[in-house]
Amino acid sequence: MFQVKMKKPFDIVIEESGTPIPGNGEALIAVKANGICGSDMHRYTGHSPISNPYNAIGHEYGGIIERIEGEGKGLEPCMKVAVNPNSWCGTCYYCRQSMENLCENMTGFNGMAEKVSVPFKNIVKLDPSFDLVLSPFIEPTACAIHAVGEITSSNVLVIGTGTMGLIEQQILRSNGNNVITIDMQDHALELSRRMGADLAIDFKDSYKEEKLKNYLSHKKIDIVIDNVCSDETVDLAVKAVKKSGTVLIMGVCAKNLTMDYLSVLLKEVVISTNFLFRHKDFVKASELISGGHIDVRPLIAKIYPLKKAGEAFDYKFNSPSAVKVILET
């Protein structure tokens, strides 16, 4: 079988490897679809370090069970599944507090390969009718649920309408929020409008802050979700949010931020962050996509065979308007 690895920035390789052998309490999964995540692109472009150039990459994937070892807990061969790529220890302080996303002993199972072996606890069953090309969206949807799933009846500004922003928008709208979005890409803004944004504004528009104020009238922005995390977007977030409002930073910053701390102080702005998700968020994400409550199919920009992963990364890099690129096996 083969695996996809990232040796260094802009260097994606396909390497042959042995088929993994599942241990007791594990299942061998034939991977059918992978997604290229924004964090993958950060490493591809050299903005984030490559943790291990000898391991397969990819953490958004699903497939079909080929073999199980031990008591399968309802899992069977030929079953469609998604894989939670984060493995938590279950015993550290954070795991005991049901915050396994902050596990002190976190490991992971990457999936850009023909086959992977993963523990039963990381596997989520999917409906037999589920289209596995959509399985890479379960992981980012879980992140979005963890971040915004409990926000209700608020005026929310979402900065950055890539995969994460467009999923957040749908969750926020379903929870009765008024959602305004901002992005630089015309295609992303059009998708946001089609998916029900109350207002979508071009970040490049020099009158964006004025348009936002005119739209709100006497209302205020309660929460800003920043999916980009740059000096410019955080500055806009702090300016836009109400006094005592919250700025939730979701994006992976490429460098240390320069922030207008005085404005944060005088407005009593709460700066918050979000990291990964809990397993229950992953299960909920699979249910929302399976039930059609989150529409992710319009987010697919292009589908490549897994063996053309290099071309797929190159396409994603050269197509800033592309939302999600999928790799099929």
C-alpha atoms as a PDB file:
ATOM      1  CA  MET A   1       0.000   0.000   0.000  1.00  0.00           C
ATOM      2  CA  PHE A   2       1.071   3.644  -0.187  1.00  0.00           C
ATOM      3  CA  GLN A   3       1.084   6.676   2.093  1.00  0.00           C
ATOM      4  CA  VAL A   4       1.219  10.420   1.434  1.00  0.00           C
ATOM      5  CA  LYS A   5       3.997  12.244   3.266  1.00  0.00           C
ATOM      6  CA  MET A   6       5.210  15.833   3.470  1.00  0.00           C
ATOM      7  CA  LYS A   7       9.002  15.836   3.495  1.00  0.00           C
ATOM      8  CA  LYS A   8       9.446  19.604   3.522  1.00  0.00           C
ATOM      9  CA  PRO A   9       7.481  22.659   2.370  1.00  0.00           C
ATOM     10  CA  PHE A  10       6.102  22.178  -1.144  1.00  0.00           C
ATOM     11  CA  ASP A  11       7.321  18.571  -1.203  1.00  0.00           C
ATOM     12  CA  ILE A  12       4.559  15.942  -1.176  1.00  0.00           C
ATOM     13  CA  VAL A  13       5.656  12.364  -1.859  1.00  0.00           C
ATOM     14  CA  ILE A  14       3.923   9.004  -2.289  1.00  0.00           C
ATOM     15  CA  GLU A  15       5.759   6.167  -0.552  1.00  0.00           C
ATOM     16  CA  GLU A  16       5.123   2.438  -0.429  1.00  0.00           C
ATOM     17  CA  SER A  17       4.735   0.893   3.008  1.00  0.00           C
ATOM     18  CA  GLY A  18       3.523  -2.293   4.616  1.00  0.00           C
ATOM     19  CA  THR A  19      -0.140  -2.766   5.403  1.00  0.00           C
ATOM     20  CA  PRO A  20      -0.721  -1.969   9.095  1.00  0.00           C
ATOM     21  CA  ILE A  21      -1.664  -4.894  11.322  1.00  0.00           C
ATOM     22  CA  PRO A  22      -4.425  -4.047  13.815  1.00  0.00           C
ATOM     23  CA  GLY A  23      -3.833  -5.028  17.414  1.00  0.00           C
ATOM     24  CA  ASN A  24      -6.469  -6.121  19.878  1.00  0.00           C
ATOM     25  CA  GLY A  25      -9.166  -3.448  20.115  1.00  0.00           C
ATOM     26  CA  GLU A  26      -8.298  -1.985  16.718  1.00  0.00           C
ATOM     27  CA  ALA A  27      -9.785  -2.025  13.230  1.00  0.00           C
ATOM     28  CA  LEU A  28      -8.129  -1.944   9.815  1.00  0.00           C
ATOM     29  CA  ILE A  29      -9.835   0.662   7.663  1.00  0.00           C
ATOM     30  CA  ALA A  30      -9.645   1.089   3.910  1.00  0.00           C
ATOM     31  CA  VAL A  31      -9.533   4.860   3.593  1.00  0.00           C
ATOM     32  CA  LYS A  32     -11.851   6.245   0.918  1.00  0.00           C
ATOM     33  CA  ALA A  33     -11.607  10.031   1.270  1.00  0.00           C
ATOM     34  CA  ASN A  34      -9.272  12.633   2.778  1.00  0.00           C
ATOM     35  CA  GLY A  35      -9.538  16.392   3.051  1.00  0.00           C
ATOM     36  CA  ILE A  36      -6.719  18.923   2.806  1.00  0.00           C
ATOM     37  CA  CYS A  37      -7.020  21.047   5.937  1.00  0.00           C
ATOM     38  CA  GLY A  38      -5.903  24.636   6.403  1.00  0.00           C
ATOM     39  CA  SER A  39      -3.345  23.404   8.935  1.00  0.00           C
ATOM     40  CA  ASP A  40      -1.951  21.058   6.256  1.00  0.00           C
ATOM     41  CA  MET A  41      -1.499  24.091   4.020  1.00  0.00           C
ATOM     42  CA  HIS A  42       0.263  26.017   6.804  1.00  0.00           C
ATOM     43  CA  ARG A  43       2.848  23.228   6.932  1.00  0.00           C
ATOM     44  CA  TYR A  44       2.960  22.901   3.145  1.00  0.00           C
ATOM     45  CA  THR A  45       3.808  26.581   2.758  1.00  0.00           C
ATOM     46  CA  GLY A  46       6.327  26.562   5.606  1.00  0.00           C
ATOM     47  CA  HIS A  47       4.300  28.729   7.988  1.00  0.00           C
ATOM     48  CA  SER A  48       4.089  25.870  10.506  1.00  0.00           C
ATOM     49  CA  PRO A  49       6.658  23.159  11.253  1.00  0.00           C
ATOM     50  CA  ILE A  50       6.310  19.648   9.817  1.00  0.00           C
ATOM     51  CA  SER A  51       6.175  17.470  12.921  1.00  0.00           C
ATOM     52  CA  ASN A  52       7.424  14.243  11.321  1.00  0.00           C
ATOM     53  CA  PRO A  53       8.368  13.954   7.624  1.00  0.00           C
ATOM     54  CA  TYR A  54       8.463  10.147   7.934  1.00  0.00           C
ATOM     55  CA  ASN A  55       4.786   9.737   8.859  1.00  0.00           C
ATOM     56  CA  ALA A  56       1.680   9.957   6.722  1.00  0.00           C
ATOM     57  CA  ILE A  57      -0.196  13.247   6.876  1.00  0.00           C
ATOM     58  CA  GLY A  58      -3.914  13.990   6.854  1.00  0.00           C
ATOM     59  CA  HIS A  59      -6.454  14.068   9.682  1.00  0.00           C
ATOM     60  CA  GLU A  60      -9.800  14.477   7.885  1.00  0.00           C
ATOM     61  CA  TYR A  61     -10.867  11.073   6.603  1.00  0.00           C
ATOM     62  CA  GLY A  62     -13.287   8.186   6.507  1.00  0.00           C
ATOM     63  CA  GLY A  63     -13.519   4.759   4.949  1.00  0.00           C
ATOM     64  CA  ILE A  64     -14.728   1.175   5.254  1.00  0.00           C
ATOM     65  CA  ILE A  65     -13.778  -1.361   7.915  1.00  0.00           C
ATOM     66  CA  GLU A  66     -11.867  -4.293   6.464  1.00  0.00           C
ATOM     67  CA  ARG A  67     -10.976  -6.187   9.615  1.00  0.00           C
ATOM     68  CA  ILE A  68     -11.451  -5.983  13.364  1.00  0.00           C
ATOM     69  CA  GLU A  69      -9.461  -7.495  16.207  1.00  0.00           C
ATOM     70  CA  GLY A  70     -11.257  -8.176  19.487  1.00  0.00           C
ATOM     71  CA  GLU A  71     -14.779  -7.292  20.589  1.00  0.00           C
ATOM     72  CA  GLY A  72     -15.879  -4.757  18.014  1.00  0.00           C
ATOM     73  CA  LYS A  73     -18.470  -2.915  20.123  1.00  0.00           C
ATOM     74  CA  GLY A  74     -20.939  -2.850  17.259  1.00  0.00           C
ATOM     75  CA  LEU A  75     -18.288  -2.459  14.574  1.00  0.00           C
ATOM     76  CA  GLU A  76     -18.288  -4.888  11.661  1.00  0.00           C
ATOM     77  CA  PRO A  77     -16.382  -5.421   8.397  1.00  0.00           C
ATOM     78  CA  CYS A  78     -17.802  -3.498   5.402  1.00  0.00           C
ATOM     79  CA  MET A  79     -19.191  -0.793   7.700  1.00  0.00           C
ATOM     80  CA  LYS A  80     -18.752   2.851   6.651  1.00  0.00           C
ATOM     81  CA  VAL A  81     -16.972   4.883   9.322  1.00  0.00           C
ATOM     82  CA  ALA A  82     -15.298   8.185  10.101  1.00  0.00           C
ATOM     83  CA  VAL A  83     -12.158   8.391  12.226  1.00  0.00           C
ATOM     84  CA  ASN A  84     -11.588  10.832  15.050  1.00  0.00           C
ATOM     85  CA  PRO A  85      -7.862  11.404  14.451  1.00  0.00           C
ATOM     86  CA  ASN A  86      -7.111  12.485  18.025  1.00  0.00           C
ATOM     87  CA  SER A  87      -6.308   9.826  20.606  1.00  0.00           C
ATOM     88  CA  TRP A  88      -6.765  10.849  24.236  1.00  0.00           C
ATOM     89  CA  CYS A  89      -5.390   8.963  27.242  1.00  0.00           C
ATOM     90  CA  GLY A  90      -8.543   9.025  29.368  1.00  0.00           C
ATOM     91  CA  THR A  91      -6.611   9.314  32.638  1.00  0.00           C
ATOM     92  CA  CYS A  92      -4.977  12.763  32.787  1.00  0.00           C
ATOM     93  CA  TYR A  93      -6.549  15.717  34.603  1.00  0.00           C
ATOM     94  CA  TYR A  94      -8.213  17.105  31.464  1.00  0.00           C
ATOM     95  CA  CYS A  95      -9.603  13.781  30.286  1.00  0.00           C
ATOM     96  CA  ARG A  96     -11.127  13.245  33.733  1.00  0.00           C
ATOM     97  CA  GLN A  97     -12.810  16.652  33.379  1.00  0.00           C
ATOM     98  CA  SER A  98     -14.334  15.645  29.984  1.00  0.00           C
ATOM     99  CA  MET A  99     -11.891  17.961  28.203  1.00  0.00           C
ATOM    100  CA  GLU A 100     -10.104  15.292  26.192  1.00  0.00           C
ATOM    101  CA  ASN A 101      -9.319  17.868  23.499  1.00  0.00           C
ATOM    102  CA  LEU A 102      -6.724  19.204  25.970  1.00  0.00           C
ATOM    103  CA  CYS A 103      -5.336  15.766  26.865  1.00  0.00           C
ATOM    104  CA  GLU A 104      -1.783  15.961  28.199  1.00  0.00           C
ATOM    105  CA  ASN A 105      -0.829  12.770  26.337  1.00  0.00           C
ATOM    106  CA  MET A 106      -2.543  13.411  23.001  1.00  0.00           C
ATOM    107  CA  THR A 107      -1.470  11.383  19.993  1.00  0.00           C
ATOM    108  CA  GLY A 108      -3.027  11.041  16.567  1.00  0.00           C
ATOM    109  CA  PHE A 109      -3.838   8.790  13.632  1.00  0.00           C
ATOM    110  CA  ASN A 110      -3.208  10.372  10.251  1.00  0.00           C
ATOM    111  CA  GLY A 111      -5.034   8.949   7.282  1.00  0.00           C
ATOM    112  CA  MET A 112      -3.574   9.920   3.890  1.00  0.00           C
ATOM    113  CA  ALA A 113      -2.919   6.285   3.075  1.00  0.00           C
ATOM    114  CA  GLU A 114      -4.700   3.379   1.474  1.00  0.00           C
ATOM    115  CA  LYS A 115      -5.266   1.765   4.865  1.00  0.00           C
ATOM    116  CA  VAL A 116      -4.955   2.703   8.542  1.00  0.00           C
ATOM    117  CA  SER A 117      -5.301   0.845  11.819  1.00  0.00           C
ATOM    118  CA  VAL A 118      -7.069   2.729  14.631  1.00  0.00           C
ATOM    119  CA  PRO A 119      -8.564   1.946  18.062  1.00  0.00           C
ATOM    120  CA  PHE A 120     -12.279   1.233  18.314  1.00  0.00           C
ATOM    121  CA  LYS A 121     -12.852   4.318  20.481  1.00  0.00           C
ATOM    122  CA  ASN A 122     -11.779   6.590  17.604  1.00  0.00           C
ATOM    123  CA  ILE A 123     -14.239   5.104  15.124  1.00  0.00           C
ATOM    124  CA  VAL A 124     -17.701   6.531  14.495  1.00  0.00           C
ATOM    125  CA  LYS A 125     -20.209   4.501  12.523  1.00  0.00           C
ATOM    126  CA  LEU A 126     -21.874   6.114   9.518  1.00  0.00           C
ATOM    127  CA  ASP A 127     -25.160   5.307   7.832  1.00  0.00           C
ATOM    128  CA  PRO A 128     -24.824   2.810   4.946  1.00  0.00           C
ATOM    129  CA  SER A 129     -26.183   5.498   2.602  1.00  0.00           C
ATOM    130  CA  PHE A 130     -23.575   8.071   3.690  1.00  0.00           C
ATOM    131  CA  ASP A 131     -21.457   9.377   0.808  1.00  0.00           C
ATOM    132  CA  LEU A 132     -17.894   8.888   2.034  1.00  0.00           C
ATOM    133  CA  VAL A 133     -16.635  11.786  -0.067  1.00  0.00           C
ATOM    134  CA  LEU A 134     -18.244  13.932   2.654  1.00  0.00           C
ATOM    135  CA  SER A 135     -16.466  12.174   5.533  1.00  0.00           C
ATOM    136  CA  PRO A 136     -13.519  14.648   5.574  1.00  0.00           C
ATOM    137  CA  PHE A 137     -15.958  17.356   6.665  1.00  0.00           C
ATOM    138  CA  ILE A 138     -16.793  15.631   9.944  1.00  0.00           C
ATOM    139  CA  GLU A 139     -13.552  16.690  11.654  1.00  0.00           C
ATOM    140  CA  PRO A 140     -13.848  20.438  10.869  1.00  0.00           C
ATOM    141  CA  THR A 141     -17.557  20.320  11.722  1.00  0.00           C
ATOM    142  CA  ALA A 142     -16.624  18.880  15.134  1.00  0.00           C
ATOM    143  CA  CYS A 143     -14.231  21.823  15.630  1.00  0.00           C
ATOM    144  CA  ALA A 144     -17.013  24.243  14.696  1.00  0.00           C
ATOM    145  CA  ILE A 145     -19.480  22.591  17.072  1.00  0.00           C
ATOM    146  CA  HIS A 146     -16.984  22.818  19.925  1.00  0.00           C
ATOM    147  CA  ALA A 147     -16.393  26.505  19.154  1.00  0.00           C
ATOM    148  CA  VAL A 148     -19.848  27.908  18.403  1.00  0.00           C
ATOM    149  CA  GLY A 149     -22.365  25.168  19.180  1.00  0.00           C
ATOM    150  CA  GLU A 150     -23.583  26.833  22.365  1.00  0.00           C
ATOM    151  CA  ILE A 151     -23.904  30.392  20.988  1.00  0.00           C
ATOM    152  CA  THR A 152     -27.556  31.388  20.701  1.00  0.00           C
ATOM    153  CA  SER A 153     -29.633  34.512  19.973  1.00  0.00           C
ATOM    154  CA  SER A 154     -26.603  36.737  19.347  1.00  0.00           C
ATOM    155  CA  ASN A 155     -25.228  39.036  16.673  1.00  0.00           C
ATOM    156  CA  VAL A 156     -22.128  37.210  15.432  1.00  0.00           C
ATOM    157  CA  LEU A 157     -19.438  38.371  13.012  1.00  0.00           C
ATOM    158  CA  VAL A 158     -17.525  35.548  11.300  1.00  0.00           C
ATOM    159  CA  ILE A 159     -14.196  36.606   9.770  1.00  0.00           C
ATOM    160  CA  GLY A 160     -12.994  34.100   7.166  1.00  0.00           C
ATOM    161  CA  THR A 161     -15.469  31.947   5.256  1.00  0.00           C
ATOM    162  CA  GLY A 162     -13.371  28.974   4.286  1.00  0.00           C
ATOM    163  CA  THR A 163     -14.456  25.487   5.307  1.00  0.00           C
ATOM    164  CA  MET A 164     -14.557  26.352   9.006  1.00  0.00           C
ATOM    165  CA  GLY A 165     -16.328  29.678   8.599  1.00  0.00           C
ATOM    166  CA  LEU A 166     -19.039  28.331   6.312  1.00  0.00           C
ATOM    167  CA  ILE A 167     -19.749  25.447   8.679  1.00  0.00           C
ATOM    168  CA  GLU A 168     -19.773  27.787  11.691  1.00  0.00           C
ATOM    169  CA  GLN A 169     -22.199  30.027   9.834  1.00  0.00           C
ATOM    170  CA  GLN A 170     -24.658  27.190   9.347  1.00  0.00           C
ATOM    171  CA  ILE A 171     -24.461  26.090  12.993  1.00  0.00           C
ATOM    172  CA  LEU A 172     -24.883  29.667  14.206  1.00  0.00           C
ATOM    173  CA  ARG A 173     -27.875  30.270  11.943  1.00  0.00           C
ATOM    174  CA  SER A 174     -29.548  27.050  13.096  1.00  0.00           C
ATOM    175  CA  ASN A 175     -29.178  28.255  16.708  1.00  0.00           C
ATOM    176  CA  GLY A 176     -31.039  31.498  16.080  1.00  0.00           C
ATOM    177  CA  ASN A 177     -28.106  33.862  15.663  1.00  0.00           C
ATOM    178  CA  ASN A 178     -27.806  36.803  13.308  1.00  0.00           C
ATOM    179  CA  VAL A 179     -24.670  36.073  11.248  1.00  0.00           C
ATOM    180  CA  ILE A 180     -22.505  38.555   9.361  1.00  0.00           C
ATOM    181  CA  THR A 181     -19.497  37.280   7.423  1.00  0.00           C
ATOM    182  CA  ILE A 182     -16.344  38.892   6.055  1.00  0.00           C
ATOM    183  CA  ASP A 183     -13.860  37.417   3.567  1.00  0.00           C
ATOM    184  CA  MET A 184     -11.481  38.477   0.802  1.00  0.00           C
ATOM    185  CA  GLN A 185     -12.579  35.922  -1.801  1.00  0.00           C
ATOM    186  CA  ASP A 186     -15.614  36.595  -4.007  1.00  0.00           C
ATOM    187  CA  HIS A 187     -16.433  32.888  -4.297  1.00  0.00           C
ATOM    188  CA  ALA A 188     -16.388  32.401  -0.525  1.00  0.00           C
ATOM    189  CA  LEU A 189     -18.619  35.439  -0.026  1.00  0.00           C
ATOM    190  CA  GLU A 190     -21.069  34.160  -2.642  1.00  0.00           C
ATOM    191  CA  LEU A 191     -21.187  30.765  -0.912  1.00  0.00           C
ATOM    192  CA  SER A 192     -21.803  32.533   2.382  1.00  0.00           C
ATOM    193  CA  ARG A 193     -24.713  34.477   0.916  1.00  0.00           C
ATOM    194  CA  ARG A 194     -26.195  31.334  -0.636  1.00  0.00           C
ATOM    195  CA  MET A 195     -25.946  29.583   2.730  1.00  0.00           C
ATOM    196  CA  GLY A 196     -27.963  32.247   4.481  1.00  0.00           C
ATOM    197  CA  ALA A 197     -25.601  34.886   5.850  1.00  0.00           C
ATOM    198  CA  ASP A 198     -27.570  37.946   6.938  1.00  0.00           C
ATOM    199  CA  LEU A 199     -24.819  40.100   5.449  1.00  0.00           C
ATOM    200  CA  ALA A 200     -21.556  39.258   3.658  1.00  0.00           C
ATOM    201  CA  ILE A 201     -18.862  41.948   3.339  1.00  0.00           C
ATOM    202  CA  ASP A 202     -15.649  42.065   1.311  1.00  0.00           C
ATOM    203  CA  PHE A 203     -12.650  42.484   3.630  1.00  0.00           C
ATOM    204  CA  LYS A 204     -10.954  44.550   0.893  1.00  0.00           C
ATOM    205  CA  ASP A 205     -13.818  47.099   0.969  1.00  0.00           C
ATOM    206  CA  SER A 206     -12.455  50.287   2.535  1.00  0.00           C
ATOM    207  CA  TYR A 207     -15.979  51.056   3.769  1.00  0.00           C
ATOM    208  CA  LYS A 208     -16.490  47.687   5.467  1.00  0.00           C
ATOM    209  CA  GLU A 209     -16.663  49.079   9.008  1.00  0.00           C
ATOM    210  CA  GLU A 210     -19.150  51.757   7.916  1.00  0.00           C
ATOM    211  CA  LYS A 211     -21.298  49.151   6.132  1.00  0.00           C
ATOM    212  CA  LEU A 212     -21.254  46.995   9.235  1.00  0.00           C
ATOM    213  CA  LYS A 213     -22.388  49.884  11.443  1.00  0.00           C
ATOM    214  CA  ASN A 214     -25.103  50.913   8.986  1.00  0.00           C
ATOM    215  CA  TYR A 215     -26.451  47.367   8.857  1.00  0.00           C
ATOM    216  CA  LEU A 216     -26.468  46.996  12.644  1.00  0.00           C
ATOM    217  CA  SER A 217     -28.047  50.417  13.284  1.00  0.00           C
ATOM    218  CA  HIS A 218     -28.563  50.507  17.072  1.00  0.00           C
ATOM    219  CA  LYS A 219     -27.547  46.850  17.523  1.00  0.00           C
ATOM    220  CA  LYS A 220     -24.094  45.619  18.537  1.00  0.00           C
ATOM    221  CA  ILE A 221     -21.834  42.680  17.633  1.00  0.00           C
ATOM    222  CA  ASP A 222     -21.851  40.327  20.617  1.00  0.00           C
ATOM    223  CA  ILE A 223     -19.241  37.851  19.394  1.00  0.00           C
ATOM    224  CA  VAL A 224     -16.587  37.835  16.658  1.00  0.00           C
ATOM    225  CA  ILE A 225     -15.201  34.533  15.344  1.00  0.00           C
ATOM    226  CA  ASP A 226     -11.791  35.080  13.734  1.00  0.00           C
ATOM    227  CA  ASN A 227     -10.884  32.104  11.534  1.00  0.00           C
ATOM    228  CA  VAL A 228      -7.841  33.854  10.060  1.00  0.00           C
ATOM    229  CA  CYS A 229      -5.844  35.233  13.004  1.00  0.00           C
ATOM    230  CA  SER A 230      -3.731  38.032  11.575  1.00  0.00           C
ATOM    231  CA  ASP A 231      -2.944  41.489  12.908  1.00  0.00           C
ATOM    232  CA  GLU A 232      -5.514  42.929  10.521  1.00  0.00           C
ATOM    233  CA  THR A 233      -8.348  40.529  11.342  1.00  0.00           C
ATOM    234  CA  VAL A 234      -7.864  40.696  15.115  1.00  0.00           C
ATOM    235  CA  ASP A 235      -7.761  44.499  14.879  1.00  0.00           C
ATOM    236  CA  LEU A 236     -11.062  44.457  12.989  1.00  0.00           C
ATOM    237  CA  ALA A 237     -12.547  42.025  15.506  1.00  0.00           C
ATOM    238  CA  VAL A 238     -11.646  44.231  18.478  1.00  0.00           C
ATOM    239  CA  LYS A 239     -13.049  47.313  16.722  1.00  0.00           C
ATOM    240  CA  ALA A 240     -16.273  45.569  15.714  1.00  0.00           C
ATOM    241  CA  VAL A 241     -17.207  43.762  18.921  1.00  0.00           C
ATOM    242  CA  LYS A 242     -19.289  45.521  21.572  1.00  0.00           C
ATOM    243  CA  LYS A 243     -17.967  46.544  24.962  1.00  0.00           C
ATOM    244  CA  SER A 244     -17.689  43.404  27.133  1.00  0.00           C
ATOM    245  CA  GLY A 245     -18.095  41.315  23.962  1.00  0.00           C
ATOM    246  CA  THR A 246     -16.054  38.256  23.010  1.00  0.00           C
ATOM    247  CA  VAL A 247     -13.451  37.739  20.278  1.00  0.00           C
ATOM    248  CA  LEU A 248     -12.996  34.011  19.672  1.00  0.00           C
ATOM    249  CA  ILE A 249      -9.798  33.254  17.761  1.00  0.00           C
ATOM    250  CA  MET A 250     -10.054  30.046  15.719  1.00  0.00           C
ATOM    251  CA  GLY A 251      -7.347  30.628  13.117  1.00  0.00           C
ATOM    252  CA  VAL A 252      -3.790  29.357  13.419  1.00  0.00           C
ATOM    253  CA  CYS A 253      -1.613  32.456  13.597  1.00  0.00           C
ATOM    254  CA  ALA A 254       1.385  32.455  11.288  1.00  0.00           C
ATOM    255  CA  LYS A 255       3.303  34.715  13.709  1.00  0.00           C
ATOM    256  CA  ASN A 256       2.972  36.468  17.040  1.00  0.00           C
ATOM    257  CA  LEU A 257       0.133  38.970  17.035  1.00  0.00           C
ATOM    258  CA  THR A 258       0.374  42.719  17.447  1.00  0.00           C
ATOM    259  CA  MET A 259      -2.813  43.713  19.251  1.00  0.00           C
ATOM    260  CA  ASP A 260      -4.378  47.053  20.216  1.00  0.00           C
ATOM    261  CA  TYR A 261      -4.339  46.136  23.882  1.00  0.00           C
ATOM    262  CA  LEU A 262      -5.617  49.547  25.027  1.00  0.00           C
ATOM    263  CA  SER A 263      -8.848  49.055  23.071  1.00  0.00           C
ATOM    264  CA  VAL A 264      -9.181  45.542  24.492  1.00  0.00           C
ATOM    265  CA  LEU A 265      -8.736  46.970  27.995  1.00  0.00           C
ATOM    266  CA  LEU A 266     -11.048  49.968  27.664  1.00  0.00           C
ATOM    267  CA  LYS A 267     -13.816  47.903  26.073  1.00  0.00           C
ATOM    268  CA  GLU A 268     -13.374  44.960  28.477  1.00  0.00           C
ATOM    269  CA  VAL A 269     -13.162  42.647  25.460  1.00  0.00           C
ATOM    270  CA  VAL A 270     -12.878  38.949  26.253  1.00  0.00           C
ATOM    271  CA  ILE A 271     -10.233  37.272  24.063  1.00  0.00           C
ATOM    272  CA  SER A 272     -10.959  33.560  23.814  1.00  0.00           C
ATOM    273  CA  THR A 273      -9.516  30.628  21.881  1.00  0.00           C
ATOM    274  CA  ASN A 274     -10.647  27.184  20.851  1.00  0.00           C
ATOM    275  CA  PHE A 275      -8.652  23.986  20.318  1.00  0.00           C
ATOM    276  CA  LEU A 276      -9.853  20.837  18.559  1.00  0.00           C
ATOM    277  CA  PHE A 277     -13.011  19.163  19.879  1.00  0.00           C
ATOM    278  CA  ARG A 278     -14.378  16.511  22.217  1.00  0.00           C
ATOM    279  CA  HIS A 279     -15.339  13.092  20.935  1.00  0.00           C
ATOM    280  CA  LYS A 280     -19.018  13.855  21.511  1.00  0.00           C
ATOM    281  CA  ASP A 281     -18.600  16.836  19.148  1.00  0.00           C
ATOM    282  CA  PHE A 282     -17.229  14.471  16.502  1.00  0.00           C
ATOM    283  CA  VAL A 283     -20.225  12.155  16.899  1.00  0.00           C
ATOM    284  CA  LYS A 284     -22.603  15.126  16.710  1.00  0.00           C
ATOM    285  CA  ALA A 285     -20.856  16.361  13.568  1.00  0.00           C
ATOM    286  CA  SER A 286     -21.371  13.000  11.847  1.00  0.00           C
ATOM    287  CA  GLU A 287     -25.065  13.145  12.749  1.00  0.00           C
ATOM    288  CA  LEU A 288     -25.544  16.696  11.473  1.00  0.00           C
ATOM    289  CA  ILE A 289     -23.919  15.943   8.121  1.00  0.00           C
ATOM    290  CA  SER A 290     -25.679  12.565   7.763  1.00  0.00           C
ATOM    291  CA  GLY A 291     -29.024  14.189   8.490  1.00  0.00           C
ATOM    292  CA  GLY A 292     -28.470  17.013   6.010  1.00  0.00           C
ATOM    293  CA  HIS A 293     -28.529  19.662   8.748  1.00  0.00           C
ATOM    294  CA  ILE A 294     -25.093  20.892   7.644  1.00  0.00           C
ATOM    295  CA  ASP A 295     -24.654  21.249   3.873  1.00  0.00           C
ATOM    296  CA  VAL A 296     -21.002  20.636   3.012  1.00  0.00           C
ATOM    297  CA  ARG A 297     -21.204  19.447  -0.586  1.00  0.00           C
ATOM    298  CA  PRO A 298     -21.070  23.007  -2.038  1.00  0.00           C
ATOM    299  CA  LEU A 299     -17.746  23.467  -0.229  1.00  0.00           C
ATOM    300  CA  ILE A 300     -15.984  20.871  -2.403  1.00  0.00           C
ATOM    301  CA  ALA A 301     -13.784  22.712  -4.884  1.00  0.00           C
ATOM    302  CA  LYS A 302     -12.116  19.731  -6.580  1.00  0.00           C
ATOM    303  CA  ILE A 303     -11.588  15.989  -6.112  1.00  0.00           C
ATOM    304  CA  TYR A 304      -8.266  14.265  -6.877  1.00  0.00           C
ATOM    305  CA  PRO A 305      -7.153  10.638  -6.682  1.00  0.00           C
ATOM    306  CA  LEU A 306      -5.060  10.111  -3.562  1.00  0.00           C
ATOM    307  CA  LYS A 307      -2.020   9.219  -5.674  1.00  0.00           C
ATOM    308  CA  LYS A 308      -2.164  12.748  -7.116  1.00  0.00           C
ATOM    309  CA  ALA A 309      -1.896  14.372  -3.698  1.00  0.00           C
ATOM    310  CA  GLY A 310       1.001  16.517  -4.870  1.00  0.00           C
ATOM    311  CA  GLU A 311      -1.146  18.007  -7.633  1.00  0.00           C
ATOM    312  CA  ALA A 312      -3.982  18.527  -5.155  1.00  0.00           C
ATOM    313  CA  PHE A 313      -1.788  20.510  -2.745  1.00  0.00           C
ATOM    314  CA  ASP A 314      -0.401  22.544  -5.622  1.00  0.00           C
ATOM    315  CA  TYR A 315      -3.929  23.300  -6.834  1.00  0.00           C
ATOM    316  CA  LYS A 316      -5.025  24.352  -3.354  1.00  0.00           C
ATOM    317  CA  PHE A 317      -1.990  26.617  -3.008  1.00  0.00           C
ATOM    318  CA  ASN A 318      -2.584  28.293  -6.379  1.00  0.00           C
ATOM    319  CA  SER A 319      -6.374  28.580  -5.974  1.00  0.00           C
ATOM    320  CA  PRO A 320      -7.082  30.800  -2.954  1.00  0.00           C
ATOM    321  CA  SER A 321     -10.815  30.710  -3.716  1.00  0.00           C
ATOM    322  CA  ALA A 322     -10.912  26.896  -3.427  1.00  0.00           C
ATOM    323  CA  VAL A 323     -12.660  25.968  -0.191  1.00  0.00           C
ATOM    324  CA  LYS A 324     -12.082  22.209   0.271  1.00  0.00           C
ATOM    325  CA  VAL A 325      -9.996  19.877  -1.865  1.00  0.00           C
ATOM    326  CA  ILE A 326     -10.811  16.175  -1.450  1.00  0.00           C
ATOM    327  CA  LEU A 327      -8.567  13.162  -2.131  1.00  0.00           C
ATOM    328  CA  GLU A 328     -10.307   9.885  -3.021  1.00  0.00           C
ATOM    329  CA  THR A 329      -8.830   6.414  -2.828  1.00  0.00           C
END
